[in-house]
């Protein structure tokens, strides 16, 4: 059972400071004291700050951001602008209804990236 904070009557939350300046870090849920409460980890403010910074750095190292490669409004999987994807879908539907040559396809697509995508897709499907 989690011991309650006497000020709030709720369980302690990470970062709450007690009277002697220690900062609450976590409950150890796999260890119980003799009074039935979980063991609590209280840290010095400097140590708490170090652990917090280390966790933040690890999170950014684990999941690097790729925003520099793909600006806002681009689809990362295809490398196309979202408006171009809509155009590609519309042209693809048109190609299914009416067969066309590559020259006609290139004439319809105003973005060269859309043409390349549709050309690859058309050769995969045998058009």
N, C-alpha and C. Protein backbone atom coordinates (compact mmCIF):
# COMPACT_ATOMS: atom_id res chain seq x y z
N UNK A 1 0.85 -1.16 0.00
CA UNK A 1 0.00 0.00 0.00
C UNK A 1 0.90 1.24 0.00
N UNK A 2 0.47 2.27 -0.73
CA UNK A 2 1.24 3.51 -0.80
C UNK A 2 0.87 4.41 0.37
N UNK A 3 1.91 4.95 1.00
CA UNK A 3 1.68 5.89 2.10
C UNK A 3 1.19 7.21 1.51
N UNK A 4 0.27 7.86 2.18
CA UNK A 4 -0.30 9.10 1.69
C UNK A 4 0.48 10.31 2.17
N UNK A 5 0.50 11.33 1.33
CA UNK A 5 1.11 12.61 1.68
C UNK A 5 0.18 13.27 2.71
N UNK A 6 0.70 13.62 3.89
CA UNK A 6 -0.18 14.21 4.91
C UNK A 6 -0.79 15.56 4.51
N UNK A 7 -0.14 16.28 3.58
CA UNK A 7 -0.66 17.58 3.17
C UNK A 7 -1.82 17.45 2.18
N UNK A 8 -1.75 16.45 1.28
CA UNK A 8 -2.75 16.33 0.22
C UNK A 8 -3.70 15.14 0.41
N UNK A 9 -3.36 14.23 1.30
CA UNK A 9 -4.11 12.98 1.49
C UNK A 9 -4.18 12.15 0.22
N UNK A 10 -3.17 12.28 -0.63
CA UNK A 10 -3.01 11.46 -1.83
C UNK A 10 -1.63 10.83 -1.80
N UNK A 11 -1.39 9.76 -2.56
CA UNK A 11 -0.03 9.19 -2.61
C UNK A 11 0.98 10.23 -3.10
N UNK A 12 2.22 10.07 -2.66
CA UNK A 12 3.27 11.00 -3.09
C UNK A 12 3.45 10.91 -4.60
N UNK A 13 3.81 12.04 -5.20
CA UNK A 13 4.11 12.08 -6.63
C UNK A 13 5.57 12.47 -6.80
N UNK A 14 6.16 12.01 -7.90
CA UNK A 14 7.56 12.29 -8.16
C UNK A 14 7.79 13.79 -8.18
N UNK A 15 8.81 14.22 -7.45
CA UNK A 15 9.18 15.63 -7.41
C UNK A 15 8.66 16.38 -6.20
N UNK A 16 7.80 15.77 -5.39
CA UNK A 16 7.32 16.46 -4.19
C UNK A 16 8.45 16.51 -3.16
N UNK A 17 8.55 17.63 -2.46
CA UNK A 17 9.64 17.86 -1.51
C UNK A 17 9.09 17.74 -0.09
N UNK A 18 9.85 17.04 0.76
CA UNK A 18 9.43 16.95 2.16
C UNK A 18 10.18 17.99 2.98
N UNK A 19 9.90 18.03 4.30
CA UNK A 19 10.41 19.10 5.18
C UNK A 19 11.93 19.19 5.19
N UNK A 20 12.63 18.07 5.13
CA UNK A 20 14.10 18.11 5.21
C UNK A 20 14.76 18.38 3.85
N UNK A 21 13.98 18.64 2.81
CA UNK A 21 14.54 19.01 1.51
C UNK A 21 14.70 17.85 0.55
N UNK A 22 14.45 16.63 0.97
CA UNK A 22 14.57 15.48 0.07
C UNK A 22 13.40 15.49 -0.92
N UNK A 23 13.64 14.94 -2.10
CA UNK A 23 12.65 14.92 -3.18
C UNK A 23 12.18 13.49 -3.38
N UNK A 24 10.86 13.31 -3.48
CA UNK A 24 10.32 11.97 -3.68
C UNK A 24 10.62 11.51 -5.10
N UNK A 25 11.11 10.25 -5.22
CA UNK A 25 11.42 9.70 -6.53
C UNK A 25 10.41 8.61 -6.93
N UNK A 26 10.24 7.58 -6.07
CA UNK A 26 9.30 6.51 -6.44
C UNK A 26 9.03 5.61 -5.24
N UNK A 27 7.97 4.84 -5.39
CA UNK A 27 7.69 3.75 -4.46
C UNK A 27 8.34 2.50 -5.03
N UNK A 28 8.92 1.66 -4.19
CA UNK A 28 9.42 0.37 -4.63
C UNK A 28 8.30 -0.65 -4.43
N UNK A 29 7.59 -0.95 -5.48
CA UNK A 29 6.38 -1.74 -5.39
C UNK A 29 6.63 -3.22 -5.11
N UNK A 30 7.86 -3.67 -5.24
CA UNK A 30 8.15 -5.07 -4.95
C UNK A 30 8.72 -5.29 -3.54
N UNK A 31 8.81 -4.22 -2.76
CA UNK A 31 9.32 -4.33 -1.39
C UNK A 31 8.35 -3.65 -0.43
N UNK A 32 7.97 -4.36 0.62
CA UNK A 32 7.01 -3.84 1.59
C UNK A 32 7.69 -3.77 2.95
N UNK A 33 7.46 -2.64 3.66
CA UNK A 33 7.99 -2.50 5.01
C UNK A 33 7.12 -3.31 5.98
N UNK A 34 7.57 -3.42 7.21
CA UNK A 34 6.84 -4.20 8.21
C UNK A 34 5.48 -3.59 8.56
N UNK A 35 5.31 -2.26 8.31
CA UNK A 35 4.02 -1.64 8.61
C UNK A 35 3.01 -1.76 7.45
N UNK A 36 3.41 -2.44 6.35
CA UNK A 36 2.50 -2.69 5.25
C UNK A 36 2.60 -1.70 4.10
N UNK A 37 3.41 -0.66 4.23
CA UNK A 37 3.56 0.33 3.17
C UNK A 37 4.76 -0.03 2.29
N UNK A 38 4.69 0.40 1.02
CA UNK A 38 5.83 0.20 0.12
C UNK A 38 6.99 1.08 0.56
N UNK A 39 8.21 0.63 0.26
CA UNK A 39 9.40 1.43 0.56
C UNK A 39 9.42 2.62 -0.40
N UNK A 40 9.77 3.79 0.13
CA UNK A 40 9.81 5.02 -0.65
C UNK A 40 11.26 5.41 -0.92
N UNK A 41 11.52 5.92 -2.10
CA UNK A 41 12.85 6.43 -2.44
C UNK A 41 12.82 7.94 -2.41
N UNK A 42 13.57 8.52 -1.48
CA UNK A 42 13.71 9.98 -1.37
C UNK A 42 15.15 10.31 -1.71
N UNK A 43 15.35 11.31 -2.58
CA UNK A 43 16.69 11.66 -3.05
C UNK A 43 17.02 13.11 -2.71
N UNK A 44 18.33 13.37 -2.66
CA UNK A 44 18.79 14.75 -2.52
C UNK A 44 18.42 15.50 -3.81
N UNK A 45 18.14 16.80 -3.72
CA UNK A 45 17.74 17.56 -4.92
C UNK A 45 18.73 17.46 -6.08
N UNK A 46 20.04 17.45 -5.77
CA UNK A 46 21.04 17.37 -6.84
C UNK A 46 20.97 16.03 -7.57
N UNK A 47 20.81 14.96 -6.79
CA UNK A 47 20.73 13.62 -7.39
C UNK A 47 19.46 13.48 -8.21
N UNK A 48 18.35 14.00 -7.70
CA UNK A 48 17.09 13.96 -8.42
C UNK A 48 17.21 14.68 -9.76
N UNK A 49 17.88 15.83 -9.77
CA UNK A 49 18.05 16.60 -11.00
C UNK A 49 18.92 15.84 -12.00
N UNK A 50 19.98 15.18 -11.51
CA UNK A 50 20.85 14.39 -12.38
C UNK A 50 20.10 13.24 -13.03
N UNK A 51 19.30 12.53 -12.23
CA UNK A 51 18.54 11.40 -12.76
C UNK A 51 17.53 11.88 -13.79
N UNK A 52 16.89 13.00 -13.52
CA UNK A 52 15.91 13.54 -14.45
C UNK A 52 16.56 13.93 -15.78
N UNK A 53 17.72 14.58 -15.72
CA UNK A 53 18.43 14.98 -16.94
C UNK A 53 18.91 13.75 -17.71
N UNK A 54 19.38 12.74 -17.00
CA UNK A 54 19.85 11.52 -17.65
C UNK A 54 18.70 10.81 -18.36
N UNK A 55 17.54 10.75 -17.73
CA UNK A 55 16.37 10.11 -18.35
C UNK A 55 15.92 10.89 -19.58
N UNK A 56 15.97 12.21 -19.50
CA UNK A 56 15.57 13.04 -20.64
C UNK A 56 16.52 12.84 -21.82
N UNK A 57 17.81 12.78 -21.54
CA UNK A 57 18.81 12.57 -22.59
C UNK A 57 18.65 11.18 -23.21
N UNK A 58 18.39 10.17 -22.38
CA UNK A 58 18.22 8.81 -22.89
C UNK A 58 16.99 8.73 -23.78
N UNK A 59 15.94 9.42 -23.42
CA UNK A 59 14.72 9.41 -24.24
C UNK A 59 14.99 10.00 -25.61
N UNK A 60 15.74 11.12 -25.68
CA UNK A 60 16.03 11.74 -26.96
C UNK A 60 17.03 10.92 -27.77
N UNK A 61 17.95 10.22 -27.10
CA UNK A 61 18.89 9.37 -27.82
C UNK A 61 18.19 8.15 -28.41
N UNK A 62 17.20 7.64 -27.69
CA UNK A 62 16.50 6.45 -28.14
C UNK A 62 15.59 6.75 -29.33
N UNK A 63 14.95 7.91 -29.33
CA UNK A 63 14.02 8.28 -30.39
C UNK A 63 14.49 9.58 -31.03
N UNK A 64 15.46 9.51 -31.95
CA UNK A 64 15.95 10.75 -32.55
C UNK A 64 14.87 11.38 -33.43
N UNK A 65 14.88 12.70 -33.48
CA UNK A 65 13.89 13.42 -34.28
C UNK A 65 14.38 13.52 -35.72
N UNK A 66 13.50 13.40 -36.64
CA UNK A 66 13.86 13.48 -38.05
C UNK A 66 13.19 14.68 -38.71
N UNK A 67 12.91 15.69 -37.94
CA UNK A 67 12.19 16.85 -38.46
C UNK A 67 13.02 17.62 -39.48
N UNK A 68 14.33 17.59 -39.35
CA UNK A 68 15.17 18.35 -40.28
C UNK A 68 15.06 17.79 -41.69
N UNK A 69 14.87 16.46 -41.82
CA UNK A 69 14.79 15.84 -43.13
C UNK A 69 13.44 16.05 -43.79
N UNK A 70 12.37 16.13 -43.00
CA UNK A 70 11.03 16.25 -43.54
C UNK A 70 10.33 17.45 -42.92
N UNK A 71 10.22 18.54 -43.65
CA UNK A 71 9.53 19.70 -43.09
C UNK A 71 8.04 19.44 -42.92
N UNK A 72 7.39 20.32 -42.26
CA UNK A 72 5.96 20.19 -41.98
C UNK A 72 5.17 20.05 -43.29
N UNK A 73 4.21 19.15 -43.28
CA UNK A 73 3.37 18.95 -44.45
C UNK A 73 3.86 17.85 -45.37
N UNK A 74 4.89 17.13 -44.98
CA UNK A 74 5.43 16.05 -45.82
C UNK A 74 5.12 14.72 -45.18
N UNK A 75 4.88 13.71 -46.02
CA UNK A 75 4.68 12.34 -45.54
C UNK A 75 6.05 11.68 -45.50
N UNK A 76 6.44 11.14 -44.35
CA UNK A 76 7.78 10.60 -44.18
C UNK A 76 7.96 9.27 -44.90
N UNK A 77 6.90 8.47 -44.98
CA UNK A 77 7.04 7.16 -45.63
C UNK A 77 7.32 7.30 -47.12
N UNK A 78 6.58 8.19 -47.77
CA UNK A 78 6.70 8.32 -49.22
C UNK A 78 7.63 9.43 -49.64
N UNK A 79 7.92 10.37 -48.74
CA UNK A 79 8.77 11.50 -49.10
C UNK A 79 8.06 12.49 -50.00
N UNK A 80 6.74 12.60 -49.87
CA UNK A 80 5.95 13.49 -50.70
C UNK A 80 5.15 14.46 -49.85
N UNK A 81 4.80 15.59 -50.45
CA UNK A 81 3.87 16.50 -49.77
C UNK A 81 2.51 15.83 -49.67
N UNK A 82 1.79 16.16 -48.63
CA UNK A 82 0.48 15.52 -48.43
C UNK A 82 -0.49 15.84 -49.56
N UNK A 83 -0.43 17.02 -50.13
CA UNK A 83 -1.28 17.37 -51.28
C UNK A 83 -0.95 16.52 -52.50
N UNK A 84 0.32 16.19 -52.67
CA UNK A 84 0.73 15.35 -53.79
C UNK A 84 0.19 13.94 -53.62
N UNK A 85 0.11 13.48 -52.37
CA UNK A 85 -0.42 12.13 -52.14
C UNK A 85 -1.88 12.08 -52.55
N UNK A 86 -2.63 13.12 -52.24
CA UNK A 86 -4.03 13.18 -52.65
C UNK A 86 -4.13 13.17 -54.18
N UNK A 87 -3.25 13.93 -54.82
CA UNK A 87 -3.24 13.94 -56.29
C UNK A 87 -2.91 12.56 -56.84
N UNK A 88 -1.94 11.89 -56.22
CA UNK A 88 -1.55 10.56 -56.68
C UNK A 88 -2.71 9.59 -56.56
N UNK A 89 -3.48 9.70 -55.48
CA UNK A 89 -4.64 8.82 -55.32
C UNK A 89 -5.67 9.07 -56.41
N UNK A 90 -5.91 10.33 -56.72
CA UNK A 90 -6.89 10.66 -57.75
C UNK A 90 -6.43 10.18 -59.12
N UNK A 91 -5.16 10.39 -59.44
CA UNK A 91 -4.64 9.93 -60.73
C UNK A 91 -4.66 8.41 -60.80
N UNK A 92 -4.35 7.75 -59.69
CA UNK A 92 -4.36 6.29 -59.67
C UNK A 92 -5.77 5.76 -59.95
N UNK A 93 -6.78 6.38 -59.40
CA UNK A 93 -8.17 5.99 -59.68
C UNK A 93 -8.49 6.20 -61.16
N UNK A 94 -8.01 7.31 -61.72
CA UNK A 94 -8.21 7.59 -63.13
C UNK A 94 -7.52 6.53 -63.99
N UNK A 95 -6.33 6.12 -63.61
CA UNK A 95 -5.59 5.10 -64.35
C UNK A 95 -6.32 3.76 -64.32
N UNK A 96 -7.00 3.46 -63.22
CA UNK A 96 -7.72 2.20 -63.12
C UNK A 96 -8.92 2.19 -64.07
N UNK A 97 -9.56 3.35 -64.26
CA UNK A 97 -10.73 3.43 -65.13
C UNK A 97 -10.33 3.48 -66.61
N UNK A 98 -9.21 4.14 -66.90
CA UNK A 98 -8.84 4.36 -68.30
C UNK A 98 -7.34 4.14 -68.44
N UNK A 99 -6.92 3.12 -69.21
CA UNK A 99 -5.48 2.90 -69.40
C UNK A 99 -4.84 4.09 -70.12
N UNK A 100 -3.61 4.41 -69.73
CA UNK A 100 -2.92 5.54 -70.35
C UNK A 100 -1.44 5.23 -70.49
N UNK A 101 -0.81 5.93 -71.40
CA UNK A 101 0.62 5.74 -71.61
C UNK A 101 1.39 6.55 -70.56
N UNK A 102 2.70 6.30 -70.49
CA UNK A 102 3.53 7.04 -69.54
C UNK A 102 3.57 8.53 -69.89
N UNK A 103 3.52 8.84 -71.16
CA UNK A 103 3.53 10.26 -71.57
C UNK A 103 2.26 10.97 -71.09
N UNK A 104 1.13 10.29 -71.22
CA UNK A 104 -0.12 10.87 -70.73
C UNK A 104 -0.09 11.02 -69.21
N UNK A 105 0.47 10.03 -68.55
CA UNK A 105 0.57 10.08 -67.09
C UNK A 105 1.44 11.25 -66.64
N UNK A 106 2.57 11.44 -67.33
CA UNK A 106 3.47 12.54 -66.98
C UNK A 106 2.80 13.89 -67.23
N UNK A 107 1.96 13.96 -68.24
CA UNK A 107 1.26 15.20 -68.55
C UNK A 107 0.23 15.54 -67.47
N UNK A 108 -0.42 14.53 -66.90
CA UNK A 108 -1.43 14.76 -65.87
C UNK A 108 -0.81 15.19 -64.55
N UNK A 109 0.32 14.58 -64.19
CA UNK A 109 0.95 14.85 -62.87
C UNK A 109 1.75 16.13 -62.95
N UNK A 110 1.43 17.09 -62.10
CA UNK A 110 2.17 18.35 -62.10
C UNK A 110 3.41 18.28 -61.23
N UNK A 111 3.48 17.30 -60.32
CA UNK A 111 4.67 17.15 -59.48
C UNK A 111 5.47 15.94 -59.97
N UNK A 112 6.75 16.10 -60.26
CA UNK A 112 7.54 14.97 -60.76
C UNK A 112 7.62 13.81 -59.76
N UNK A 113 7.57 14.13 -58.46
CA UNK A 113 7.62 13.06 -57.46
C UNK A 113 6.38 12.17 -57.55
N UNK A 114 5.23 12.77 -57.84
CA UNK A 114 3.99 12.01 -57.98
C UNK A 114 4.09 11.11 -59.20
N UNK A 115 4.64 11.63 -60.28
CA UNK A 115 4.79 10.83 -61.49
C UNK A 115 5.68 9.63 -61.22
N UNK A 116 6.81 9.84 -60.54
CA UNK A 116 7.72 8.73 -60.24
C UNK A 116 7.04 7.67 -59.38
N UNK A 117 6.28 8.12 -58.39
CA UNK A 117 5.57 7.18 -57.52
C UNK A 117 4.57 6.36 -58.31
N UNK A 118 3.79 7.02 -59.16
CA UNK A 118 2.78 6.32 -59.94
C UNK A 118 3.40 5.43 -61.00
N UNK A 119 4.53 5.86 -61.56
CA UNK A 119 5.21 5.04 -62.56
C UNK A 119 5.68 3.72 -61.93
N UNK A 120 6.26 3.81 -60.72
CA UNK A 120 6.68 2.59 -60.02
C UNK A 120 5.49 1.69 -59.71
N UNK A 121 4.42 2.32 -59.26
CA UNK A 121 3.23 1.56 -58.89
C UNK A 121 2.60 0.91 -60.12
N UNK A 122 2.59 1.62 -61.25
CA UNK A 122 2.00 1.09 -62.48
C UNK A 122 2.80 -0.10 -63.00
N UNK A 123 4.13 -0.03 -62.91
CA UNK A 123 4.93 -1.16 -63.38
C UNK A 123 4.77 -2.36 -62.46
N UNK A 124 4.54 -2.10 -61.14
CA UNK A 124 4.29 -3.21 -60.22
C UNK A 124 3.00 -3.94 -60.56
N UNK A 125 2.01 -3.20 -61.02
CA UNK A 125 0.71 -3.79 -61.34
C UNK A 125 0.59 -4.20 -62.80
N UNK A 126 1.62 -3.97 -63.60
CA UNK A 126 1.61 -4.41 -64.99
C UNK A 126 0.91 -3.47 -65.94
N UNK A 127 0.71 -2.22 -65.57
CA UNK A 127 0.08 -1.25 -66.48
C UNK A 127 1.11 -0.65 -67.41
